[in-house]
Amino acid sequence: MKRLTISILLVFISLSILAAEESWQGNAAVARRGEFEAEGLYAASNSFPENTMVAVTNLDNGKSVTVTIRKRIDGSAGLFLLLSESAASVLAMRPSEIIRVETRVTGI
């Protein structure tokens, strides 16, 4: 009986840990043309390591996209993310717009 209780407790603790997701919020802008090596769903950030996959949600309209972090931001100017044109398009961003986003790591 004691083993069963401990096993059930461990399962609940494990599920709680797996269900917990961390998210971060910050400002995002669109990168200049040519900032990334090719067309694609990319971003630059000083908060995530390169090649991390991050789900990005535009807090103004709820649109989301998953991007791959390709580089660091040079001279960040208070930016959390710098998005490729393709990623910004999915989020319905205009080229000169700065928006609030929420991010969540989806893979490394």
C-alpha atoms as a PDB file:
ATOM      1  CA  MET A   1       0.000   0.000   0.000  1.00  0.00           C
ATOM      2  CA  LYS A   2       2.854   2.346   0.862  1.00  0.00           C
ATOM      3  CA  ARG A   3       4.549   1.703  -2.499  1.00  0.00           C
ATOM      4  CA  LEU A   4       1.331   2.386  -4.379  1.00  0.00           C
ATOM      5  CA  THR A   5       0.857   5.702  -2.574  1.00  0.00           C
ATOM      6  CA  ILE A   6       4.435   6.755  -3.276  1.00  0.00           C
ATOM      7  CA  SER A   7       4.120   5.716  -6.943  1.00  0.00           C
ATOM      8  CA  ILE A   8       0.928   7.719  -7.399  1.00  0.00           C
ATOM      9  CA  LEU A   9       2.519  10.731  -5.710  1.00  0.00           C
ATOM     10  CA  LEU A  10       5.555  10.536  -8.015  1.00  0.00           C
ATOM     11  CA  VAL A  11       3.308  10.351 -11.094  1.00  0.00           C
ATOM     12  CA  PHE A  12       1.413  13.475 -10.010  1.00  0.00           C
ATOM     13  CA  ILE A  13       4.631  15.372  -9.307  1.00  0.00           C
ATOM     14  CA  SER A  14       6.069  14.358 -12.693  1.00  0.00           C
ATOM     15  CA  LEU A  15       2.925  15.433 -14.533  1.00  0.00           C
ATOM     16  CA  SER A  16       2.950  18.786 -12.714  1.00  0.00           C
ATOM     17  CA  ILE A  17       6.509  19.450 -13.805  1.00  0.00           C
ATOM     18  CA  LEU A  18       5.777  18.483 -17.414  1.00  0.00           C
ATOM     19  CA  ALA A  19       2.658  20.646 -17.522  1.00  0.00           C
ATOM     20  CA  ALA A  20       4.472  23.755 -16.285  1.00  0.00           C
ATOM     21  CA  GLU A  21       5.549  26.025 -19.125  1.00  0.00           C
ATOM     22  CA  GLU A  22       7.618  29.144 -18.829  1.00  0.00           C
ATOM     23  CA  SER A  23       6.886  32.091 -21.049  1.00  0.00           C
ATOM     24  CA  TRP A  24       8.572  35.445 -21.552  1.00  0.00           C
ATOM     25  CA  GLN A  25       7.281  38.754 -22.866  1.00  0.00           C
ATOM     26  CA  GLY A  26       9.072  41.587 -24.595  1.00  0.00           C
ATOM     27  CA  ASN A  27       9.267  43.877 -27.634  1.00  0.00           C
ATOM     28  CA  ALA A  28       9.780  42.519 -31.138  1.00  0.00           C
ATOM     29  CA  ALA A  29      10.646  44.250 -34.402  1.00  0.00           C
ATOM     30  CA  VAL A  30      11.149  43.197 -38.012  1.00  0.00           C
ATOM     31  CA  ALA A  31      14.748  42.663 -39.148  1.00  0.00           C
ATOM     32  CA  ARG A  32      16.095  44.582 -42.125  1.00  0.00           C
ATOM     33  CA  ARG A  33      16.123  42.741 -45.437  1.00  0.00           C
ATOM     34  CA  GLY A  34      19.257  40.583 -45.632  1.00  0.00           C
ATOM     35  CA  GLU A  35      19.695  40.377 -41.841  1.00  0.00           C
ATOM     36  CA  PHE A  36      19.128  36.604 -42.029  1.00  0.00           C
ATOM     37  CA  GLU A  37      20.905  34.283 -44.458  1.00  0.00           C
ATOM     38  CA  ALA A  38      17.745  33.054 -46.215  1.00  0.00           C
ATOM     39  CA  GLU A  39      13.970  33.281 -46.275  1.00  0.00           C
ATOM     40  CA  GLY A  40      12.384  31.447 -43.388  1.00  0.00           C
ATOM     41  CA  LEU A  41      10.870  31.657 -39.945  1.00  0.00           C
ATOM     42  CA  TYR A  42      13.845  32.997 -37.995  1.00  0.00           C
ATOM     43  CA  ALA A  43      14.551  35.360 -35.119  1.00  0.00           C
ATOM     44  CA  ALA A  44      17.486  36.934 -33.333  1.00  0.00           C
ATOM     45  CA  SER A  45      17.522  37.214 -29.550  1.00  0.00           C
ATOM     46  CA  ASN A  46      19.915  37.778 -26.686  1.00  0.00           C
ATOM     47  CA  SER A  47      17.621  35.738 -24.400  1.00  0.00           C
ATOM     48  CA  PHE A  48      17.771  32.342 -26.138  1.00  0.00           C
ATOM     49  CA  PRO A  49      20.695  30.275 -27.469  1.00  0.00           C
ATOM     50  CA  GLU A  50      21.104  29.819 -31.222  1.00  0.00           C
ATOM     51  CA  ASN A  51      19.038  27.012 -32.813  1.00  0.00           C
ATOM     52  CA  THR A  52      16.380  27.162 -30.083  1.00  0.00           C
ATOM     53  CA  MET A  53      12.828  26.855 -31.429  1.00  0.00           C
ATOM     54  CA  VAL A  54      10.512  29.442 -29.886  1.00  0.00           C
ATOM     55  CA  ALA A  55       6.748  29.921 -30.240  1.00  0.00           C
ATOM     56  CA  VAL A  56       6.029  33.651 -30.603  1.00  0.00           C
ATOM     57  CA  THR A  57       2.564  35.156 -30.072  1.00  0.00           C
ATOM     58  CA  ASN A  58       1.586  38.701 -31.067  1.00  0.00           C
ATOM     59  CA  LEU A  59      -0.204  39.966 -27.947  1.00  0.00           C
ATOM     60  CA  ASP A  60      -2.230  42.488 -29.989  1.00  0.00           C
ATOM     61  CA  ASN A  61      -3.949  39.985 -32.297  1.00  0.00           C
ATOM     62  CA  GLY A  62      -3.204  36.504 -30.880  1.00  0.00           C
ATOM     63  CA  LYS A  63      -1.431  35.278 -34.043  1.00  0.00           C
ATOM     64  CA  SER A  64       1.442  32.838 -33.439  1.00  0.00           C
ATOM     65  CA  VAL A  65       4.446  31.438 -35.268  1.00  0.00           C
ATOM     66  CA  THR A  66       7.301  29.122 -34.320  1.00  0.00           C
ATOM     67  CA  VAL A  67      10.740  30.508 -35.182  1.00  0.00           C
ATOM     68  CA  THR A  68      14.309  29.263 -34.915  1.00  0.00           C
ATOM     69  CA  ILE A  69      16.766  31.558 -33.136  1.00  0.00           C
ATOM     70  CA  ARG A  70      19.608  32.082 -35.636  1.00  0.00           C
ATOM     71  CA  LYS A  71      21.737  34.809 -34.060  1.00  0.00           C
ATOM     72  CA  ARG A  72      22.215  37.378 -31.323  1.00  0.00           C
ATOM     73  CA  ILE A  73      20.845  40.906 -31.577  1.00  0.00           C
ATOM     74  CA  ASP A  74      23.512  43.525 -32.273  1.00  0.00           C
ATOM     75  CA  GLY A  75      22.925  46.715 -30.277  1.00  0.00           C
ATOM     76  CA  SER A  76      19.615  45.475 -28.904  1.00  0.00           C
ATOM     77  CA  ALA A  77      17.994  48.932 -28.368  1.00  0.00           C
ATOM     78  CA  GLY A  78      15.584  47.372 -25.881  1.00  0.00           C
ATOM     79  CA  LEU A  79      14.438  44.619 -28.224  1.00  0.00           C
ATOM     80  CA  PHE A  80      13.659  41.129 -27.027  1.00  0.00           C
ATOM     81  CA  LEU A  81      13.290  39.595 -30.522  1.00  0.00           C
ATOM     82  CA  LEU A  82      14.204  40.614 -34.052  1.00  0.00           C
ATOM     83  CA  LEU A  83      11.990  38.666 -36.467  1.00  0.00           C
ATOM     84  CA  SER A  84      12.592  37.668 -40.084  1.00  0.00           C
ATOM     85  CA  GLU A  85      10.230  39.196 -42.640  1.00  0.00           C
ATOM     86  CA  SER A  86       8.495  35.828 -43.093  1.00  0.00           C
ATOM     87  CA  ALA A  87       7.888  35.392 -39.354  1.00  0.00           C
ATOM     88  CA  ALA A  88       6.696  38.991 -39.006  1.00  0.00           C
ATOM     89  CA  SER A  89       4.273  38.455 -41.875  1.00  0.00           C
ATOM     90  CA  VAL A  90       2.665  35.487 -40.088  1.00  0.00           C
ATOM     91  CA  LEU A  91       2.216  37.711 -37.015  1.00  0.00           C
ATOM     92  CA  ALA A  92       0.672  40.456 -39.221  1.00  0.00           C
ATOM     93  CA  MET A  93       3.421  42.973 -38.398  1.00  0.00           C
ATOM     94  CA  ARG A  94       4.254  45.987 -40.518  1.00  0.00           C
ATOM     95  CA  PRO A  95       7.973  46.491 -41.326  1.00  0.00           C
ATOM     96  CA  SER A  96       8.507  49.496 -39.027  1.00  0.00           C
ATOM     97  CA  GLU A  97       6.256  48.258 -36.216  1.00  0.00           C
ATOM     98  CA  ILE A  98       7.386  47.233 -32.730  1.00  0.00           C
ATOM     99  CA  ILE A  99       4.957  44.916 -30.949  1.00  0.00           C
ATOM    100  CA  ARG A 100       4.636  43.126 -27.612  1.00  0.00           C
ATOM    101  CA  VAL A 101       5.108  39.377 -27.896  1.00  0.00           C
ATOM    102  CA  GLU A 102       4.975  36.375 -25.626  1.00  0.00           C
ATOM    103  CA  THR A 103       7.399  33.520 -26.236  1.00  0.00           C
ATOM    104  CA  ARG A 104       7.700  29.928 -25.137  1.00  0.00           C
ATOM    105  CA  VAL A 105      10.563  27.540 -25.905  1.00  0.00           C
ATOM    106  CA  THR A 106       9.316  24.578 -27.949  1.00  0.00           C
ATOM    107  CA  GLY A 107      12.602  22.818 -28.715  1.00  0.00           C
ATOM    108  CA  ILE A 108      16.360  22.974 -28.730  1.00  0.00           C
END
